């Protein structure tokens, strides 16, 4: 494998990592996103690390040249017939199995890192750490492979992969049984993870809505809401919508000012209406300014949040989520 082929191989691997990460985060949904996610988390990181740990396609050992002119020179040959240090190698099919097993071992490590870094276990964080691991390991692996002799340097066996797959089931009955068992274990593990992604636990699909205010230091908090307005004044609020529906979702938020008597709304005025489409795991911070259009005590500002479009006359009964605050509006000079 030449240096140019190594560069092309590295670029192809990085392009595959980027393409799979794009599919997972694009919000496309469905089986394609699930399969891409399983491939990203359960294979690519371990496969990339395998190119770092095992830069050769088979174990190689350096051989010293005993001739007087070349006493201090050495080169690498396949097998273990040399007298120098061994360079680690791994055939293609064993590399695939090793990549899968190593990726599975990485999953709890990724979870621990996210926990230590105080990140939520959201799609963006998981994709980021898996993509970062695969990218860094691929680049470092390319450096190690570049230092490996051309004849033994590992490369994707695009032309011989089918032949290697067939020969994996040749040989003794014991070898075939081991390979079949390994293949079944991989299929079952991938199937279990895919099922977990397609059919999440009850209650894991939801939308969270919060009303926030901005503090003096620029941070947002669910409190310190305005409770007193003078007629004509306004206040800044932020409606936070977080998509945990496990799929791309369009949201429509309607802000309505209401005068309430008992349990009945006797007067209402729509102040804001805005829509936003969020990918799974994304959030929407809708910053806006509220200027009350009524005057009186105990006026209610309510936000109706819908999945999809909102009706012309929104209500608590038809809304997917609601959030509200109360305040008074007095005349100027009172």
Protein backbone atom coordinates (compact mmCIF):
# COMPACT_ATOMS: atom_id res chain seq x y z
CA UNK A 1 0.00 0.00 0.00
CA UNK A 2 1.54 3.30 -1.14
CA UNK A 3 1.41 6.60 0.75
CA UNK A 4 -1.16 7.91 -1.76
CA UNK A 5 -3.38 4.89 -1.16
CA UNK A 6 -3.01 5.43 2.60
CA UNK A 7 -4.14 9.04 2.22
CA UNK A 8 -7.13 7.96 0.13
CA UNK A 9 -7.98 5.25 2.67
CA UNK A 10 -7.83 7.77 5.54
CA UNK A 11 -9.97 10.30 3.69
CA UNK A 12 -12.52 7.59 2.88
CA UNK A 13 -12.73 6.57 6.53
CA UNK A 14 -13.13 10.17 7.73
CA UNK A 15 -15.77 10.79 5.06
CA UNK A 16 -17.68 7.73 6.28
CA UNK A 17 -17.55 9.02 9.87
CA UNK A 18 -18.79 12.46 8.79
CA UNK A 19 -21.55 11.03 6.59
CA UNK A 20 -22.87 8.73 9.31
CA UNK A 21 -22.75 11.54 11.90
CA UNK A 22 -24.69 13.78 9.50
CA UNK A 23 -27.39 11.15 8.97
CA UNK A 24 -27.75 10.63 12.73
CA UNK A 25 -28.06 14.36 13.53
CA UNK A 26 -30.10 15.37 10.46
CA UNK A 27 -33.41 14.43 12.05
CA UNK A 28 -34.27 12.16 9.12
CA UNK A 29 -35.72 9.62 11.55
CA UNK A 30 -36.79 6.07 10.81
CA UNK A 31 -34.68 2.93 10.30
CA UNK A 32 -31.94 4.77 8.37
CA UNK A 33 -31.12 6.99 11.34
CA UNK A 34 -31.25 4.05 13.75
CA UNK A 35 -28.90 1.91 11.65
CA UNK A 36 -26.52 4.85 11.17
CA UNK A 37 -26.53 5.52 14.92
CA UNK A 38 -25.76 1.89 15.74
CA UNK A 39 -22.94 1.87 13.16
CA UNK A 40 -21.49 5.10 14.59
CA UNK A 41 -21.57 4.02 18.23
CA UNK A 42 -21.00 0.25 17.93
CA UNK A 43 -18.38 0.02 15.21
CA UNK A 44 -16.58 3.13 13.94
CA UNK A 45 -14.75 4.14 17.17
CA UNK A 46 -13.39 0.63 17.75
CA UNK A 47 -12.46 0.14 14.10
CA UNK A 48 -10.58 3.45 14.05
CA UNK A 49 -8.70 2.53 17.22
CA UNK A 50 -7.78 -0.83 15.64
CA UNK A 51 -5.85 1.02 12.91
CA UNK A 52 -3.91 2.77 15.68
CA UNK A 53 -3.16 -0.36 17.69
CA UNK A 54 -2.62 -2.65 14.71
CA UNK A 55 -1.20 -0.65 11.78
CA UNK A 56 -0.22 -3.79 9.83
CA UNK A 57 -2.47 -6.35 8.17
CA UNK A 58 -0.50 -9.17 9.82
CA UNK A 59 2.20 -9.41 12.48
CA UNK A 60 5.61 -8.32 11.18
CA UNK A 61 9.09 -8.68 12.63
CA UNK A 62 12.15 -6.66 11.70
CA UNK A 63 15.09 -8.56 10.21
CA UNK A 64 18.64 -7.30 10.60
CA UNK A 65 20.91 -7.44 7.55
CA UNK A 66 24.13 -9.23 8.59
CA UNK A 67 26.20 -7.89 5.70
CA UNK A 68 29.06 -5.55 6.71
CA UNK A 69 27.63 -2.56 4.86
CA UNK A 70 24.16 -2.94 6.37
CA UNK A 71 24.80 -3.98 9.96
CA UNK A 72 22.67 -1.15 11.35
CA UNK A 73 19.85 -1.40 8.82
CA UNK A 74 16.69 -3.41 9.21
CA UNK A 75 13.39 -4.00 7.44
CA UNK A 76 10.09 -5.73 8.20
CA UNK A 77 8.78 -8.98 6.76
CA UNK A 78 5.52 -10.80 7.29
CA UNK A 79 5.34 -13.48 9.95
CA UNK A 80 7.58 -14.01 12.93
CA UNK A 81 10.74 -15.27 11.23
CA UNK A 82 12.84 -12.16 11.91
CA UNK A 83 15.06 -11.42 14.83
CA UNK A 84 13.90 -7.86 15.58
CA UNK A 85 10.90 -6.35 17.37
CA UNK A 86 7.40 -7.39 16.29
CA UNK A 87 4.97 -4.85 14.83
CA UNK A 88 1.36 -5.65 15.70
CA UNK A 89 -0.92 -6.68 12.85
CA UNK A 90 -4.51 -7.84 12.46
CA UNK A 91 -6.27 -9.41 9.45
CA UNK A 92 -9.41 -7.76 8.08
CA UNK A 93 -12.14 -10.01 9.50
CA UNK A 94 -10.53 -10.18 12.92
CA UNK A 95 -10.21 -6.40 12.75
CA UNK A 96 -13.96 -6.06 12.15
CA UNK A 97 -14.75 -8.24 15.16
CA UNK A 98 -12.19 -6.40 17.28
CA UNK A 99 -13.63 -3.04 16.20
CA UNK A 100 -17.13 -4.09 17.22
CA UNK A 101 -16.02 -5.49 20.57
CA UNK A 102 -13.89 -2.45 21.36
CA UNK A 103 -16.74 -0.08 20.45
CA UNK A 104 -19.07 -1.94 22.81
CA UNK A 105 -16.44 -1.59 25.54
CA UNK A 106 -16.25 2.15 24.82
CA UNK A 107 -19.98 2.72 25.48
CA UNK A 108 -19.76 2.80 29.32
CA UNK A 109 -16.57 4.87 29.04
CA UNK A 110 -18.40 7.41 26.87
CA UNK A 111 -21.24 7.49 29.40
CA UNK A 112 -18.78 8.09 32.25
CA UNK A 113 -17.07 10.92 30.36
CA UNK A 114 -20.40 12.60 29.65
CA UNK A 115 -21.35 12.26 33.30
CA UNK A 116 -18.05 13.75 34.49
CA UNK A 117 -18.39 16.60 31.99
CA UNK A 118 -21.95 17.22 33.26
CA UNK A 119 -23.48 16.67 29.81
CA UNK A 120 -26.93 15.17 29.41
CA UNK A 121 -27.14 11.84 27.58
CA UNK A 122 -28.53 13.50 24.49
CA UNK A 123 -28.02 12.64 20.86
CA UNK A 124 -25.69 15.54 20.15
CA UNK A 125 -23.32 14.67 23.01
CA UNK A 126 -23.22 10.96 22.17
CA UNK A 127 -22.65 11.60 18.47
CA UNK A 128 -19.98 14.17 19.30
CA UNK A 129 -17.91 11.90 21.54
CA UNK A 130 -18.22 8.89 19.18
CA UNK A 131 -17.33 11.00 16.14
CA UNK A 132 -14.43 12.67 17.93
CA UNK A 133 -12.99 9.33 19.06
CA UNK A 134 -13.26 7.85 15.56
CA UNK A 135 -11.73 10.93 13.93
CA UNK A 136 -8.75 11.27 16.28
CA UNK A 137 -8.03 7.52 16.22
CA UNK A 138 -8.22 7.46 12.41
CA UNK A 139 -5.70 10.30 12.09
CA UNK A 140 -3.30 8.80 14.65
CA UNK A 141 -3.73 5.41 13.02
CA UNK A 142 -2.80 6.93 9.66
CA UNK A 143 0.45 8.19 11.20
CA UNK A 144 1.28 4.73 12.54
CA UNK A 145 0.39 3.06 9.25
CA UNK A 146 2.58 5.54 7.37
CA UNK A 147 5.53 4.24 9.42
CA UNK A 148 4.71 0.63 8.56
CA UNK A 149 6.34 -0.99 5.48
CA UNK A 150 4.25 -0.80 2.32
CA UNK A 151 3.92 -4.56 1.91
CA UNK A 152 2.41 -5.15 5.34
CA UNK A 153 0.60 -1.84 5.90
CA UNK A 154 -3.11 -2.30 6.61
CA UNK A 155 -5.63 -0.96 4.11
CA UNK A 156 -9.30 -1.56 3.46
CA UNK A 157 -9.35 -4.75 1.34
CA UNK A 158 -12.02 -3.52 -1.04
CA UNK A 159 -11.09 -6.10 -3.69
CA UNK A 160 -10.52 -9.08 -1.43
CA UNK A 161 -13.13 -8.57 1.31
CA UNK A 162 -15.57 -11.05 -0.23
CA UNK A 163 -12.85 -13.68 -0.56
CA UNK A 164 -11.80 -13.20 3.07
CA UNK A 165 -15.42 -13.49 4.17
CA UNK A 166 -15.77 -16.83 2.39
CA UNK A 167 -12.52 -18.22 3.75
CA UNK A 168 -13.62 -17.35 7.29
CA UNK A 169 -15.93 -20.37 7.15
CA UNK A 170 -13.34 -22.72 5.69
CA UNK A 171 -11.14 -24.96 7.75
CA UNK A 172 -12.07 -27.28 10.58
CA UNK A 173 -15.52 -27.66 12.09
CA UNK A 174 -14.25 -25.99 15.24
CA UNK A 175 -13.11 -22.87 13.37
CA UNK A 176 -16.41 -22.63 11.51
CA UNK A 177 -18.37 -23.00 14.74
CA UNK A 178 -16.38 -20.23 16.41
CA UNK A 179 -16.86 -17.87 13.45
CA UNK A 180 -20.60 -18.60 13.26
CA UNK A 181 -20.97 -18.02 17.01
CA UNK A 182 -19.08 -14.73 16.73
CA UNK A 183 -21.28 -13.60 13.83
CA UNK A 184 -24.45 -14.49 15.76
CA UNK A 185 -23.21 -12.58 18.82
CA UNK A 186 -22.56 -9.48 16.72
CA UNK A 187 -25.99 -9.68 15.06
CA UNK A 188 -27.76 -10.16 18.41
CA UNK A 189 -25.90 -7.26 20.03
CA UNK A 190 -26.62 -4.90 17.15
CA UNK A 191 -30.25 -6.04 17.11
CA UNK A 192 -30.62 -5.40 20.84
CA UNK A 193 -29.19 -1.88 20.56
CA UNK A 194 -31.29 -1.14 17.48
CA UNK A 195 -34.44 -2.31 19.26
CA UNK A 196 -33.58 -0.06 22.19
CA UNK A 197 -33.24 2.91 19.85
CA UNK A 198 -36.41 2.16 17.88
CA UNK A 199 -38.59 1.31 20.89
CA UNK A 200 -37.48 3.55 23.77
CA UNK A 201 -38.82 2.99 27.25
CA UNK A 202 -42.23 4.34 28.20
CA UNK A 203 -42.15 8.01 29.09
CA UNK A 204 -38.91 8.70 27.25
CA UNK A 205 -40.70 10.53 24.41
CA UNK A 206 -41.86 13.95 25.53
CA UNK A 207 -41.54 17.70 25.07
CA UNK A 208 -40.43 19.97 27.89
CA UNK A 209 -41.59 23.59 27.93
CA UNK A 210 -40.31 26.27 30.33
CA UNK A 211 -40.72 30.02 30.65
CA UNK A 212 -37.47 31.78 31.55
CA UNK A 213 -36.19 35.25 32.38
CA UNK A 214 -32.72 36.65 31.79
CA UNK A 215 -30.64 37.64 34.82
CA UNK A 216 -28.15 40.50 35.09
CA UNK A 217 -25.25 38.14 34.30
CA UNK A 218 -26.97 36.91 31.13
CA UNK A 219 -28.01 33.51 32.51
CA UNK A 220 -31.58 32.22 32.19
CA UNK A 221 -33.69 31.09 35.12
CA UNK A 222 -37.20 29.73 35.60
CA UNK A 223 -38.20 32.48 38.02
CA UNK A 224 -38.13 36.22 38.74
CA UNK A 225 -41.11 36.73 36.45
CA UNK A 226 -42.58 40.23 36.13
CA UNK A 227 -45.66 40.59 38.35
CA UNK A 228 -46.38 44.28 37.89
CA UNK A 229 -46.67 46.30 34.68
CA UNK A 230 -47.54 49.90 34.00
CA UNK A 231 -49.78 50.39 30.99
CA UNK A 232 -47.56 50.60 27.88
CA UNK A 233 -44.46 48.99 29.41
CA UNK A 234 -43.02 45.65 28.32
CA UNK A 235 -40.78 42.84 29.54
CA UNK A 236 -38.40 40.32 27.96
CA UNK A 237 -39.22 36.61 28.33
CA UNK A 238 -37.78 33.40 26.86
CA UNK A 239 -39.89 30.37 26.02
CA UNK A 240 -37.76 27.21 26.07
CA UNK A 241 -39.01 24.19 24.09
CA UNK A 242 -36.94 20.99 24.31
CA UNK A 243 -37.60 18.11 21.90
CA UNK A 244 -37.28 14.67 23.51
CA UNK A 245 -39.72 13.05 21.08
CA UNK A 246 -36.93 10.97 19.47
CA UNK A 247 -37.84 12.42 16.07
CA UNK A 248 -37.92 15.70 14.18
CA UNK A 249 -40.90 17.75 15.35
CA UNK A 250 -42.47 21.04 14.32
CA UNK A 251 -43.69 23.22 17.20
CA UNK A 252 -46.00 26.23 17.20
CA UNK A 253 -46.16 28.50 20.25
CA UNK A 254 -49.02 30.93 20.84
CA UNK A 255 -48.83 33.58 23.59
CA UNK A 256 -52.21 34.84 24.75
CA UNK A 257 -53.13 37.44 27.39
CA UNK A 258 -56.34 36.58 29.24
CA UNK A 259 -58.70 38.19 31.73
CA UNK A 260 -60.08 35.48 33.97
CA UNK A 261 -63.13 35.59 36.23
CA UNK A 262 -63.48 32.47 38.33
CA UNK A 263 -62.82 29.56 36.00
CA UNK A 264 -63.86 31.40 32.86
CA UNK A 265 -61.82 33.42 30.38
CA UNK A 266 -63.88 36.52 29.68
CA UNK A 267 -61.40 38.37 27.46
CA UNK A 268 -58.38 37.26 25.45
CA UNK A 269 -55.84 38.77 23.11
CA UNK A 270 -53.22 36.89 21.08
CA UNK A 271 -49.81 38.55 21.48
CA UNK A 272 -47.39 36.18 19.73
CA UNK A 273 -47.44 33.20 17.35
CA UNK A 274 -44.22 31.52 16.21
CA UNK A 275 -43.20 28.13 14.73
CA UNK A 276 -39.93 26.20 14.79
CA UNK A 277 -38.88 22.72 13.62
CA UNK A 278 -36.49 20.87 15.93
CA UNK A 279 -34.45 17.74 15.32
CA UNK A 280 -34.53 15.07 18.02
CA UNK A 281 -32.65 16.32 21.07
CA UNK A 282 -32.63 19.97 19.97
CA UNK A 283 -34.06 22.92 21.92
CA UNK A 284 -35.61 26.25 20.93
CA UNK A 285 -35.09 29.41 22.95
CA UNK A 286 -37.76 31.81 21.76
CA UNK A 287 -36.79 35.21 23.11
CA UNK A 288 -39.49 37.87 22.77
CA UNK A 289 -40.89 41.03 24.36
CA UNK A 290 -44.35 41.06 25.94
CA UNK A 291 -46.38 44.28 26.06
CA UNK A 292 -49.73 43.81 27.85
CA UNK A 293 -52.77 45.06 25.93
CA UNK A 294 -55.15 44.95 28.89
CA UNK A 295 -55.33 46.67 32.25
CA UNK A 296 -56.35 45.11 35.55
CA UNK A 297 -55.40 42.66 38.26
CA UNK A 298 -54.58 38.96 37.96
CA UNK A 299 -54.17 38.90 34.20
CA UNK A 300 -52.91 35.58 32.85
CA UNK A 301 -50.23 35.25 30.19
CA UNK A 302 -50.48 31.70 28.84
CA UNK A 303 -48.37 29.96 26.21
CA UNK A 304 -49.98 27.18 24.19
CA UNK A 305 -47.44 24.88 22.54
CA UNK A 306 -48.59 22.57 19.74
CA UNK A 307 -46.92 19.85 17.75
CA UNK A 308 -47.46 20.98 14.20
CA UNK A 309 -49.64 23.98 13.44
CA UNK A 310 -51.79 25.70 16.06
CA UNK A 311 -55.52 26.27 15.52
CA UNK A 312 -56.98 29.73 15.09
CA UNK A 313 -58.50 29.53 18.59
CA UNK A 314 -55.96 27.81 20.85
CA UNK A 315 -57.01 26.42 24.21
CA UNK A 316 -55.66 24.34 27.07
CA UNK A 317 -57.75 21.38 25.89
CA UNK A 318 -56.17 21.29 22.42
CA UNK A 319 -52.60 22.33 23.28
CA UNK A 320 -49.83 19.75 23.69
CA UNK A 321 -48.12 21.76 26.45
CA UNK A 322 -48.99 24.95 28.34
CA UNK A 323 -47.17 27.30 30.69
CA UNK A 324 -48.45 30.51 32.27
CA UNK A 325 -47.72 33.41 34.63
CA UNK A 326 -49.94 36.02 36.34
CA UNK A 327 -49.41 39.76 36.76
CA UNK A 328 -51.15 43.09 37.29
CA UNK A 329 -51.27 46.00 34.84
CA UNK A 330 -51.96 49.47 36.23
CA UNK A 331 -52.56 52.81 34.55
CA UNK A 332 -49.75 55.34 34.31
CA UNK A 333 -49.54 57.38 37.51
CA UNK A 334 -51.35 54.88 39.72
